[in-house]
Amino acid sequence: MLVVHVHCHVKPESVAAFRRASLANARASIQEPGILRFDVLEQEGDPTRFALVEVYRTPEDPARHKETEHYARWRDAVAQMMAEPRTSTKFAPAWPVSDEAWACDPSEG
């Protein structure tokens, strides 16, 4: 399992468009067999800062995710919305460690 936190700083005038594009990407991403969770978080007190929390079944699944049409559409759509380049940090979960504990129901989002 691999957890990735992607940090995004968006231009103020692009916040609504970034949120829409990111939610569409998250909804499509959670349908991928290798993704257990795909959360879009907006920082309290600073709506220009977002975190994407992506939980993958295997270390190979992020590469597969980046080959999807919805990821390419998101990447291209948000490229000019960024106030600075996005960054990411990778984690190995210490707890919970089971797929079932991380998995979300795609029908809920």
PDB file of N, CA and C in Angstrom:
ATOM      1  N   MET A   1       0.847  -1.173   0.000  1.00  0.00           N
ATOM      2  CA  MET A   1       0.000   0.000   0.000  1.00  0.00           C
ATOM      3  C   MET A   1       0.891   1.234   0.000  1.00  0.00           C
ATOM      4  N   LEU A   2       0.404   2.303  -0.640  1.00  0.00           N
ATOM      5  CA  LEU A   2       1.141   3.559  -0.723  1.00  0.00           C
ATOM      6  C   LEU A   2       0.153   4.703  -0.571  1.00  0.00           C
ATOM      7  N   VAL A   3       0.485   5.668   0.283  1.00  0.00           N
ATOM      8  CA  VAL A   3      -0.335   6.860   0.471  1.00  0.00           C
ATOM      9  C   VAL A   3       0.460   8.046  -0.042  1.00  0.00           C
ATOM     10  N   VAL A   4      -0.169   8.860  -0.888  1.00  0.00           N
ATOM     11  CA  VAL A   4       0.487  10.039  -1.446  1.00  0.00           C
ATOM     12  C   VAL A   4      -0.331  11.267  -1.079  1.00  0.00           C
ATOM     13  N   HIS A   5       0.357  12.267  -0.532  1.00  0.00           N
ATOM     14  CA  HIS A   5      -0.258  13.574  -0.274  1.00  0.00           C
ATOM     15  C   HIS A   5       0.285  14.526  -1.332  1.00  0.00           C
ATOM     16  N   VAL A   6      -0.611  15.090  -2.124  1.00  0.00           N
ATOM     17  CA  VAL A   6      -0.229  16.062  -3.149  1.00  0.00           C
ATOM     18  C   VAL A   6      -0.669  17.434  -2.650  1.00  0.00           C
ATOM     19  N   HIS A   7       0.270  18.366  -2.591  1.00  0.00           N
ATOM     20  CA  HIS A   7      -0.006  19.714  -2.083  1.00  0.00           C
ATOM     21  C   HIS A   7      -0.095  20.671  -3.261  1.00  0.00           C
ATOM     22  N   CYS A   8      -1.212  21.403  -3.327  1.00  0.00           N
ATOM     23  CA  CYS A   8      -1.464  22.305  -4.439  1.00  0.00           C
ATOM     24  C   CYS A   8      -1.746  23.705  -3.911  1.00  0.00           C
ATOM     25  N   HIS A   9      -1.049  24.683  -4.466  1.00  0.00           N
ATOM     26  CA  HIS A   9      -1.313  26.092  -4.178  1.00  0.00           C
ATOM     27  C   HIS A   9      -1.856  26.695  -5.465  1.00  0.00           C
ATOM     28  N   VAL A  10      -3.101  27.121  -5.418  1.00  0.00           N
ATOM     29  CA  VAL A  10      -3.838  27.546  -6.600  1.00  0.00           C
ATOM     30  C   VAL A  10      -3.961  29.071  -6.621  1.00  0.00           C
ATOM     31  N   LYS A  11      -3.964  29.646  -7.816  1.00  0.00           N
ATOM     32  CA  LYS A  11      -4.195  31.079  -7.953  1.00  0.00           C
ATOM     33  C   LYS A  11      -5.596  31.408  -7.426  1.00  0.00           C
ATOM     34  N   PRO A  12      -5.749  32.528  -6.719  1.00  0.00           N
ATOM     35  CA  PRO A  12      -7.052  32.854  -6.124  1.00  0.00           C
ATOM     36  C   PRO A  12      -8.207  32.837  -7.123  1.00  0.00           C
ATOM     37  N   GLU A  13      -7.973  33.321  -8.318  1.00  0.00           N
ATOM     38  CA  GLU A  13      -9.045  33.374  -9.315  1.00  0.00           C
ATOM     39  C   GLU A  13      -9.392  32.003  -9.899  1.00  0.00           C
ATOM     40  N   SER A  14      -8.609  30.983  -9.554  1.00  0.00           N
ATOM     41  CA  SER A  14      -8.815  29.639 -10.103  1.00  0.00           C
ATOM     42  C   SER A  14      -9.367  28.636  -9.097  1.00  0.00           C
ATOM     43  N   VAL A  15      -9.650  29.070  -7.882  1.00  0.00           N
ATOM     44  CA  VAL A  15     -10.058  28.137  -6.824  1.00  0.00           C
ATOM     45  C   VAL A  15     -11.292  27.321  -7.223  1.00  0.00           C
ATOM     46  N   ALA A  16     -12.337  27.971  -7.694  1.00  0.00           N
ATOM     47  CA  ALA A  16     -13.570  27.248  -8.033  1.00  0.00           C
ATOM     48  C   ALA A  16     -13.335  26.266  -9.178  1.00  0.00           C
ATOM     49  N   ALA A  17     -12.610  26.683 -10.198  1.00  0.00           N
ATOM     50  CA  ALA A  17     -12.332  25.794 -11.337  1.00  0.00           C
ATOM     51  C   ALA A  17     -11.441  24.630 -10.911  1.00  0.00           C
ATOM     52  N   PHE A  18     -10.459  24.889 -10.056  1.00  0.00           N
ATOM     53  CA  PHE A  18      -9.593  23.824  -9.565  1.00  0.00           C
ATOM     54  C   PHE A  18     -10.405  22.815  -8.747  1.00  0.00           C
ATOM     55  N   ARG A  19     -11.273  23.308  -7.897  1.00  0.00           N
ATOM     56  CA  ARG A  19     -12.106  22.424  -7.083  1.00  0.00           C
ATOM     57  C   ARG A  19     -12.968  21.533  -7.986  1.00  0.00           C
ATOM     58  N   ARG A  20     -13.612  22.117  -8.996  1.00  0.00           N
ATOM     59  CA  ARG A  20     -14.453  21.330  -9.912  1.00  0.00           C
ATOM     60  C   ARG A  20     -13.637  20.268 -10.639  1.00  0.00           C
ATOM     61  N   ALA A  21     -12.495  20.652 -11.186  1.00  0.00           N
ATOM     62  CA  ALA A  21     -11.652  19.707 -11.922  1.00  0.00           C
ATOM     63  C   ALA A  21     -11.138  18.601 -11.007  1.00  0.00           C
ATOM     64  N   SER A  22     -10.769  18.953  -9.792  1.00  0.00           N
ATOM     65  CA  SER A  22     -10.221  17.970  -8.856  1.00  0.00           C
ATOM     66  C   SER A  22     -11.287  17.008  -8.364  1.00  0.00           C
ATOM     67  N   LEU A  23     -12.495  17.491  -8.146  1.00  0.00           N
ATOM     68  CA  LEU A  23     -13.581  16.601  -7.732  1.00  0.00           C
ATOM     69  C   LEU A  23     -13.945  15.631  -8.855  1.00  0.00           C
ATOM     70  N   ALA A  24     -13.950  16.106 -10.096  1.00  0.00           N
ATOM     71  CA  ALA A  24     -14.218  15.209 -11.228  1.00  0.00           C
ATOM     72  C   ALA A  24     -13.134  14.143 -11.327  1.00  0.00           C
ATOM     73  N   ASN A  25     -11.889  14.543 -11.145  1.00  0.00           N
ATOM     74  CA  ASN A  25     -10.785  13.586 -11.189  1.00  0.00           C
ATOM     75  C   ASN A  25     -10.888  12.582 -10.044  1.00  0.00           C
ATOM     76  N   ALA A  26     -11.225  13.045  -8.860  1.00  0.00           N
ATOM     77  CA  ALA A  26     -11.342  12.147  -7.704  1.00  0.00           C
ATOM     78  C   ALA A  26     -12.456  11.129  -7.911  1.00  0.00           C
ATOM     79  N   ARG A  27     -13.590  11.583  -8.426  1.00  0.00           N
ATOM     80  CA  ARG A  27     -14.715  10.665  -8.652  1.00  0.00           C
ATOM     81  C   ARG A  27     -14.352   9.581  -9.665  1.00  0.00           C
ATOM     82  N   ALA A  28     -13.615   9.945 -10.697  1.00  0.00           N
ATOM     83  CA  ALA A  28     -13.181   8.952 -11.687  1.00  0.00           C
ATOM     84  C   ALA A  28     -12.071   8.070 -11.117  1.00  0.00           C
ATOM     85  N   SER A  29     -11.168   8.665 -10.366  1.00  0.00           N
ATOM     86  CA  SER A  29     -10.027   7.924  -9.828  1.00  0.00           C
ATOM     87  C   SER A  29     -10.443   6.819  -8.878  1.00  0.00           C
ATOM     88  N   ILE A  30     -11.440   7.076  -8.051  1.00  0.00           N
ATOM     89  CA  ILE A  30     -11.853   6.082  -7.059  1.00  0.00           C
ATOM     90  C   ILE A  30     -12.462   4.855  -7.736  1.00  0.00           C
ATOM     91  N   GLN A  31     -12.785   4.957  -9.013  1.00  0.00           N
ATOM     92  CA  GLN A  31     -13.292   3.810  -9.769  1.00  0.00           C
ATOM     93  C   GLN A  31     -12.158   2.881 -10.227  1.00  0.00           C
ATOM     94  N   GLU A  32     -10.921   3.358 -10.167  1.00  0.00           N
ATOM     95  CA  GLU A  32      -9.780   2.547 -10.585  1.00  0.00           C
ATOM     96  C   GLU A  32      -9.562   1.412  -9.577  1.00  0.00           C
ATOM     97  N   PRO A  33      -9.260   0.215 -10.054  1.00  0.00           N
ATOM     98  CA  PRO A  33      -9.078  -0.915  -9.131  1.00  0.00           C
ATOM     99  C   PRO A  33      -7.899  -0.739  -8.171  1.00  0.00           C
ATOM    100  N   GLY A  34      -6.901   0.054  -8.534  1.00  0.00           N
ATOM    101  CA  GLY A  34      -5.728   0.220  -7.693  1.00  0.00           C
ATOM    102  C   GLY A  34      -5.821   1.342  -6.680  1.00  0.00           C
ATOM    103  N   ILE A  35      -6.951   2.070  -6.667  1.00  0.00           N
ATOM    104  CA  ILE A  35      -7.097   3.203  -5.744  1.00  0.00           C
ATOM    105  C   ILE A  35      -8.146   2.879  -4.692  1.00  0.00           C
ATOM    106  N   LEU A  36      -7.736   3.009  -3.418  1.00  0.00           N
ATOM    107  CA  LEU A  36      -8.636   2.762  -2.297  1.00  0.00           C
ATOM    108  C   LEU A  36      -9.339   4.034  -1.834  1.00  0.00           C
ATOM    109  N   ARG A  37      -8.645   5.158  -1.874  1.00  0.00           N
ATOM    110  CA  ARG A  37      -9.213   6.460  -1.478  1.00  0.00           C
ATOM    111  C   ARG A  37      -8.613   7.526  -2.373  1.00  0.00           C
ATOM    112  N   PHE A  38      -9.389   8.582  -2.557  1.00  0.00           N
ATOM    113  CA  PHE A  38      -8.901   9.752  -3.288  1.00  0.00           C
ATOM    114  C   PHE A  38      -9.660  10.942  -2.723  1.00  0.00           C
ATOM    115  N   ASP A  39      -9.058  11.612  -1.755  1.00  0.00           N
ATOM    116  CA  ASP A  39      -9.702  12.718  -1.051  1.00  0.00           C
ATOM    117  C   ASP A  39      -9.187  14.050  -1.569  1.00  0.00           C
ATOM    118  N   VAL A  40     -10.072  15.026  -1.665  1.00  0.00           N
ATOM    119  CA  VAL A  40      -9.716  16.394  -2.030  1.00  0.00           C
ATOM    120  C   VAL A  40     -10.007  17.256  -0.812  1.00  0.00           C
ATOM    121  N   LEU A  41      -8.967  17.871  -0.261  1.00  0.00           N
ATOM    122  CA  LEU A  41      -9.095  18.674   0.960  1.00  0.00           C
ATOM    123  C   LEU A  41      -8.713  20.114   0.667  1.00  0.00           C
ATOM    124  N   GLU A  42      -9.476  21.043   1.240  1.00  0.00           N
ATOM    125  CA  GLU A  42      -9.181  22.466   1.097  1.00  0.00           C
ATOM    126  C   GLU A  42      -8.769  23.002   2.465  1.00  0.00           C
ATOM    127  N   GLN A  43      -7.650  23.719   2.504  1.00  0.00           N
ATOM    128  CA  GLN A  43      -7.114  24.188   3.783  1.00  0.00           C
ATOM    129  C   GLN A  43      -8.031  25.232   4.413  1.00  0.00           C
ATOM    130  N   GLU A  44      -8.336  25.037   5.691  1.00  0.00           N
ATOM    131  CA  GLU A  44      -9.120  26.029   6.423  1.00  0.00           C
ATOM    132  C   GLU A  44      -8.331  27.323   6.524  1.00  0.00           C
ATOM    133  N   GLY A  45      -8.990  28.422   6.259  1.00  0.00           N
ATOM    134  CA  GLY A  45      -8.345  29.723   6.376  1.00  0.00           C
ATOM    135  C   GLY A  45      -7.587  30.155   5.132  1.00  0.00           C
ATOM    136  N   ASP A  46      -7.361  29.254   4.186  1.00  0.00           N
ATOM    137  CA  ASP A  46      -6.677  29.606   2.940  1.00  0.00           C
ATOM    138  C   ASP A  46      -7.247  28.751   1.811  1.00  0.00           C
ATOM    139  N   PRO A  47      -8.295  29.220   1.159  1.00  0.00           N
ATOM    140  CA  PRO A  47      -8.950  28.413   0.123  1.00  0.00           C
ATOM    141  C   PRO A  47      -8.099  28.178  -1.116  1.00  0.00           C
ATOM    142  N   THR A  48      -6.913  28.786  -1.180  1.00  0.00           N
ATOM    143  CA  THR A  48      -6.041  28.561  -2.338  1.00  0.00           C
ATOM    144  C   THR A  48      -5.132  27.350  -2.156  1.00  0.00           C
ATOM    145  N   ARG A  49      -5.196  26.732  -0.998  1.00  0.00           N
ATOM    146  CA  ARG A  49      -4.326  25.576  -0.722  1.00  0.00           C
ATOM    147  C   ARG A  49      -5.157  24.311  -0.571  1.00  0.00           C
ATOM    148  N   PHE A  50      -4.766  23.305  -1.344  1.00  0.00           N
ATOM    149  CA  PHE A  50      -5.468  22.031  -1.361  1.00  0.00           C
ATOM    150  C   PHE A  50      -4.476  20.903  -1.092  1.00  0.00           C
ATOM    151  N   ALA A  51      -5.013  19.812  -0.589  1.00  0.00           N
ATOM    152  CA  ALA A  51      -4.240  18.573  -0.466  1.00  0.00           C
ATOM    153  C   ALA A  51      -5.078  17.468  -1.092  1.00  0.00           C
ATOM    154  N   LEU A  52      -4.451  16.660  -1.908  1.00  0.00           N
ATOM    155  CA  LEU A  52      -5.076  15.463  -2.449  1.00  0.00           C
ATOM    156  C   LEU A  52      -4.466  14.295  -1.697  1.00  0.00           C
ATOM    157  N   VAL A  53      -5.296  13.456  -1.115  1.00  0.00           N
ATOM    158  CA  VAL A  53      -4.817  12.292  -0.373  1.00  0.00           C
ATOM    159  C   VAL A  53      -5.217  11.064  -1.181  1.00  0.00           C
ATOM    160  N   GLU A  54      -4.212  10.404  -1.725  1.00  0.00           N
ATOM    161  CA  GLU A  54      -4.416   9.278  -2.627  1.00  0.00           C
ATOM    162  C   GLU A  54      -3.878   8.011  -1.967  1.00  0.00           C
ATOM    163  N   VAL A  55      -4.719   6.996  -1.845  1.00  0.00           N
ATOM    164  CA  VAL A  55      -4.307   5.741  -1.218  1.00  0.00           C
ATOM    165  C   VAL A  55      -4.364   4.649  -2.290  1.00  0.00           C
ATOM    166  N   TYR A  56      -3.199   4.085  -2.571  1.00  0.00           N
ATOM    167  CA  TYR A  56      -3.043   3.083  -3.623  1.00  0.00           C
ATOM    168  C   TYR A  56      -2.824   1.702  -3.015  1.00  0.00           C
ATOM    169  N   ARG A  57      -3.303   0.687  -3.692  1.00  0.00           N
ATOM    170  CA  ARG A  57      -3.121  -0.698  -3.241  1.00  0.00           C
ATOM    171  C   ARG A  57      -1.657  -1.132  -3.320  1.00  0.00           C
ATOM    172  N   THR A  58      -0.962  -0.741  -4.390  1.00  0.00           N
ATOM    173  CA  THR A  58       0.427  -1.152  -4.580  1.00  0.00           C
ATOM    174  C   THR A  58       1.267   0.052  -5.001  1.00  0.00           C
ATOM    175  N   PRO A  59       2.572  -0.023  -4.857  1.00  0.00           N
ATOM    176  CA  PRO A  59       3.442   1.072  -5.300  1.00  0.00           C
ATOM    177  C   PRO A  59       3.404   1.300  -6.818  1.00  0.00           C
ATOM    178  N   GLU A  60       2.913   0.334  -7.579  1.00  0.00           N
ATOM    179  CA  GLU A  60       2.834   0.478  -9.030  1.00  0.00           C
ATOM    180  C   GLU A  60       1.572   1.220  -9.483  1.00  0.00           C
ATOM    181  N   ASP A  61       0.579   1.302  -8.623  1.00  0.00           N
ATOM    182  CA  ASP A  61      -0.701   1.890  -9.013  1.00  0.00           C
ATOM    183  C   ASP A  61      -0.656   3.389  -9.317  1.00  0.00           C
ATOM    184  N   PRO A  62       0.199   4.198  -8.688  1.00  0.00           N
ATOM    185  CA  PRO A  62       0.248   5.607  -9.101  1.00  0.00           C
ATOM    186  C   PRO A  62       0.634   5.777 -10.581  1.00  0.00           C
ATOM    187  N   ALA A  63       1.544   4.967 -11.057  1.00  0.00           N
ATOM    188  CA  ALA A  63       1.932   5.059 -12.477  1.00  0.00           C
ATOM    189  C   ALA A  63       0.753   4.697 -13.370  1.00  0.00           C
ATOM    190  N   ARG A  64      -0.006   3.684 -12.994  1.00  0.00           N
ATOM    191  CA  ARG A  64      -1.196   3.311 -13.773  1.00  0.00           C
ATOM    192  C   ARG A  64      -2.232   4.444 -13.748  1.00  0.00           C
ATOM    193  N   HIS A  65      -2.378   5.071 -12.590  1.00  0.00           N
ATOM    194  CA  HIS A  65      -3.307   6.198 -12.468  1.00  0.00           C
ATOM    195  C   HIS A  65      -2.924   7.314 -13.432  1.00  0.00           C
ATOM    196  N   LYS A  66      -1.644   7.588 -13.540  1.00  0.00           N
ATOM    197  CA  LYS A  66      -1.186   8.686 -14.404  1.00  0.00           C
ATOM    198  C   LYS A  66      -1.328   8.377 -15.893  1.00  0.00           C
ATOM    199  N   GLU A  67      -1.684   7.143 -16.223  1.00  0.00           N
ATOM    200  CA  GLU A  67      -1.934   6.768 -17.620  1.00  0.00           C
ATOM    201  C   GLU A  67      -3.407   6.919 -18.010  1.00  0.00           C
ATOM    202  N   THR A  68      -4.265   7.278 -17.049  1.00  0.00           N
ATOM    203  CA  THR A  68      -5.697   7.348 -17.341  1.00  0.00           C
ATOM    204  C   THR A  68      -6.058   8.660 -18.037  1.00  0.00           C
ATOM    205  N   GLU A  69      -7.152   8.599 -18.769  1.00  0.00           N
ATOM    206  CA  GLU A  69      -7.645   9.790 -19.465  1.00  0.00           C
ATOM    207  C   GLU A  69      -8.080  10.874 -18.484  1.00  0.00           C
ATOM    208  N   HIS A  70      -8.735  10.478 -17.382  1.00  0.00           N
ATOM    209  CA  HIS A  70      -9.198  11.495 -16.437  1.00  0.00           C
ATOM    210  C   HIS A  70      -8.041  12.195 -15.736  1.00  0.00           C
ATOM    211  N   TYR A  71      -6.949  11.477 -15.462  1.00  0.00           N
ATOM    212  CA  TYR A  71      -5.789  12.143 -14.861  1.00  0.00           C
ATOM    213  C   TYR A  71      -5.194  13.148 -15.843  1.00  0.00           C
ATOM    214  N   ALA A  72      -5.024  12.744 -17.103  1.00  0.00           N
ATOM    215  CA  ALA A  72      -4.460  13.639 -18.117  1.00  0.00           C
ATOM    216  C   ALA A  72      -5.337  14.881 -18.277  1.00  0.00           C
ATOM    217  N   ARG A  73      -6.645  14.696 -18.264  1.00  0.00           N
ATOM    218  CA  ARG A  73      -7.577  15.820 -18.384  1.00  0.00           C
ATOM    219  C   ARG A  73      -7.399  16.767 -17.192  1.00  0.00           C
ATOM    220  N   TRP A  74      -7.305  16.199 -15.966  1.00  0.00           N
ATOM    221  CA  TRP A  74      -7.101  17.030 -14.772  1.00  0.00           C
ATOM    222  C   TRP A  74      -5.766  17.758 -14.842  1.00  0.00           C
ATOM    223  N   ARG A  75      -4.700  17.015 -15.132  1.00  0.00           N
ATOM    224  CA  ARG A  75      -3.349  17.600 -15.188  1.00  0.00           C
ATOM    225  C   ARG A  75      -3.310  18.782 -16.148  1.00  0.00           C
ATOM    226  N   ASP A  76      -3.874  18.604 -17.331  1.00  0.00           N
ATOM    227  CA  ASP A  76      -3.848  19.674 -18.329  1.00  0.00           C
ATOM    228  C   ASP A  76      -4.748  20.841 -17.925  1.00  0.00           C
ATOM    229  N   ALA A  77      -5.895  20.529 -17.329  1.00  0.00           N
ATOM    230  CA  ALA A  77      -6.831  21.584 -16.932  1.00  0.00           C
ATOM    231  C   ALA A  77      -6.271  22.468 -15.828  1.00  0.00           C
ATOM    232  N   VAL A  78      -5.562  21.888 -14.872  1.00  0.00           N
ATOM    233  CA  VAL A  78      -5.110  22.670 -13.713  1.00  0.00           C
ATOM    234  C   VAL A  78      -3.714  23.259 -13.880  1.00  0.00           C
ATOM    235  N   ALA A  79      -3.023  22.918 -14.933  1.00  0.00           N
ATOM    236  CA  ALA A  79      -1.628  23.361 -15.095  1.00  0.00           C
ATOM    237  C   ALA A  79      -1.472  24.878 -14.950  1.00  0.00           C
ATOM    238  N   GLN A  80      -2.349  25.642 -15.588  1.00  0.00           N
ATOM    239  CA  GLN A  80      -2.239  27.102 -15.527  1.00  0.00           C
ATOM    240  C   GLN A  80      -2.906  27.699 -14.291  1.00  0.00           C
ATOM    241  N   MET A  81      -3.542  26.862 -13.474  1.00  0.00           N
ATOM    242  CA  MET A  81      -4.208  27.338 -12.259  1.00  0.00           C
ATOM    243  C   MET A  81      -3.275  27.409 -11.062  1.00  0.00           C
ATOM    244  N   MET A  82      -2.103  26.799 -11.177  1.00  0.00           N
ATOM    245  CA  MET A  82      -1.206  26.690 -10.030  1.00  0.00           C
ATOM    246  C   MET A  82      -0.461  27.996  -9.765  1.00  0.00           C
ATOM    247  N   ALA A  83      -0.433  28.402  -8.491  1.00  0.00           N
ATOM    248  CA  ALA A  83       0.356  29.553  -8.072  1.00  0.00           C
ATOM    249  C   ALA A  83       1.826  29.170  -7.960  1.00  0.00           C
ATOM    250  N   GLU A  84       2.081  27.878  -7.761  1.00  0.00           N
ATOM    251  CA  GLU A  84       3.439  27.336  -7.703  1.00  0.00           C
ATOM    252  C   GLU A  84       3.333  25.850  -8.040  1.00  0.00           C
ATOM    253  N   PRO A  85       4.435  25.215  -8.404  1.00  0.00           N
ATOM    254  CA  PRO A  85       4.363  23.787  -8.752  1.00  0.00           C
ATOM    255  C   PRO A  85       3.859  22.949  -7.578  1.00  0.00           C
ATOM    256  N   ARG A  86       3.040  21.950  -7.891  1.00  0.00           N
ATOM    257  CA  ARG A  86       2.545  21.077  -6.833  1.00  0.00           C
ATOM    258  C   ARG A  86       3.672  20.169  -6.355  1.00  0.00           C
ATOM    259  N   THR A  87       3.555  19.741  -5.107  1.00  0.00           N
ATOM    260  CA  THR A  87       4.543  18.846  -4.519  1.00  0.00           C
ATOM    261  C   THR A  87       3.817  17.631  -3.958  1.00  0.00           C
ATOM    262  N   SER A  88       4.571  16.570  -3.715  1.00  0.00           N
ATOM    263  CA  SER A  88       3.954  15.385  -3.131  1.00  0.00           C
ATOM    264  C   SER A  88       4.899  14.736  -2.136  1.00  0.00           C
ATOM    265  N   THR A  89       4.286  14.031  -1.206  1.00  0.00           N
ATOM    266  CA  THR A  89       5.012  13.261  -0.203  1.00  0.00           C
ATOM    267  C   THR A  89       4.396  11.877  -0.172  1.00  0.00           C
ATOM    268  N   LYS A  90       5.247  10.847  -0.142  1.00  0.00           N
ATOM    269  CA  LYS A  90       4.776   9.464  -0.123  1.00  0.00           C
ATOM    270  C   LYS A  90       4.926   8.892   1.288  1.00  0.00           C
ATOM    271  N   PHE A  91       3.913   8.096   1.662  1.00  0.00           N
ATOM    272  CA  PHE A  91       3.895   7.483   2.984  1.00  0.00           C
ATOM    273  C   PHE A  91       3.566   6.005   2.869  1.00  0.00           C
ATOM    274  N   ALA A  92       4.077   5.231   3.814  1.00  0.00           N
ATOM    275  CA  ALA A  92       3.640   3.849   4.017  1.00  0.00           C
ATOM    276  C   ALA A  92       2.740   3.880   5.240  1.00  0.00           C
ATOM    277  N   PRO A  93       1.535   3.325   5.156  1.00  0.00           N
ATOM    278  CA  PRO A  93       0.636   3.404   6.310  1.00  0.00           C
ATOM    279  C   PRO A  93       1.134   2.567   7.486  1.00  0.00           C
ATOM    280  N   ALA A  94       1.138   3.175   8.661  1.00  0.00           N
ATOM    281  CA  ALA A  94       1.440   2.438   9.885  1.00  0.00           C
ATOM    282  C   ALA A  94       0.158   1.855  10.461  1.00  0.00           C
ATOM    283  N   TRP A  95      -0.951   2.588  10.278  1.00  0.00           N
ATOM    284  CA  TRP A  95      -2.270   2.126  10.672  1.00  0.00           C
ATOM    285  C   TRP A  95      -3.301   3.046  10.065  1.00  0.00           C
ATOM    286  N   PRO A  96      -4.390   2.605   9.520  1.00  0.00           N
ATOM    287  CA  PRO A  96      -4.730   1.200   9.314  1.00  0.00           C
ATOM    288  C   PRO A  96      -3.933   0.604   8.164  1.00  0.00           C
ATOM    289  N   VAL A  97      -3.842  -0.696   8.140  1.00  0.00           N
ATOM    290  CA  VAL A  97      -3.034  -1.360   7.124  1.00  0.00           C
ATOM    291  C   VAL A  97      -3.858  -2.242   6.188  1.00  0.00           C
ATOM    292  N   SER A  98      -5.138  -2.412   6.457  1.00  0.00           N
ATOM    293  CA  SER A  98      -5.949  -3.255   5.581  1.00  0.00           C
ATOM    294  C   SER A  98      -6.627  -2.410   4.506  1.00  0.00           C
ATOM    295  N   ASP A  99      -6.808  -2.996   3.330  1.00  0.00           N
ATOM    296  CA  ASP A  99      -7.503  -2.318   2.240  1.00  0.00           C
ATOM    297  C   ASP A  99      -8.899  -1.882   2.677  1.00  0.00           C
ATOM    298  N   GLU A 100      -9.593  -2.755   3.397  1.00  0.00           N
ATOM    299  CA  GLU A 100     -10.967  -2.485   3.792  1.00  0.00           C
ATOM    300  C   GLU A 100     -11.068  -1.243   4.688  1.00  0.00           C
ATOM    301  N   ALA A 101     -10.083  -1.022   5.523  1.00  0.00           N
ATOM    302  CA  ALA A 101     -10.121   0.124   6.421  1.00  0.00           C
ATOM    303  C   ALA A 101      -9.959   1.436   5.665  1.00  0.00           C
ATOM    304  N   TRP A 102      -9.259   1.423   4.538  1.00  0.00           N
ATOM    305  CA  TRP A 102      -9.022   2.634   3.758  1.00  0.00           C
ATOM    306  C   TRP A 102     -10.087   2.851   2.688  1.00  0.00           C
ATOM    307  N   ALA A 103     -10.673   1.795   2.210  1.00  0.00           N
ATOM    308  CA  ALA A 103     -11.557   1.884   1.046  1.00  0.00           C
ATOM    309  C   ALA A 103     -12.769   2.773   1.319  1.00  0.00           C
ATOM    310  N   CYS A 104     -13.143   3.512   0.285  1.00  0.00           N
ATOM    311  CA  CYS A 104     -14.369   4.310   0.373  1.00  0.00           C
ATOM    312  C   CYS A 104     -15.348   3.810  -0.679  1.00  0.00           C
ATOM    313  N   ASP A 105     -16.593   4.098  -0.451  1.00  0.00           N
ATOM    314  CA  ASP A 105     -17.657   3.681  -1.348  1.00  0.00           C
ATOM    315  C   ASP A 105     -17.819   4.737  -2.427  1.00  0.00           C
ATOM    316  N   PRO A 106     -17.517   4.436  -3.689  1.00  0.00           N
ATOM    317  CA  PRO A 106     -17.640   5.430  -4.753  1.00  0.00           C
ATOM    318  C   PRO A 106     -19.040   6.017  -4.892  1.00  0.00           C
ATOM    319  N   SER A 107     -20.043   5.323  -4.432  1.00  0.00           N
ATOM    320  CA  SER A 107     -21.406   5.846  -4.541  1.00  0.00           C
ATOM    321  C   SER A 107     -21.663   6.970  -3.555  1.00  0.00           C
ATOM    322  N   GLU A 108     -20.778   7.135  -2.562  1.00  0.00           N
ATOM    323  CA  GLU A 108     -20.962   8.198  -1.567  1.00  0.00           C
ATOM    324  C   GLU A 108     -20.491   9.558  -2.049  1.00  0.00           C
ATOM    325  N   GLY A 109     -19.667   9.600  -3.084  1.00  0.00           N
ATOM    326  CA  GLY A 109     -19.064  10.868  -3.455  1.00  0.00           C
ATOM    327  C   GLY A 109     -19.571  11.420  -4.701  1.00  0.00           C
TER     328      GLY A 109
END
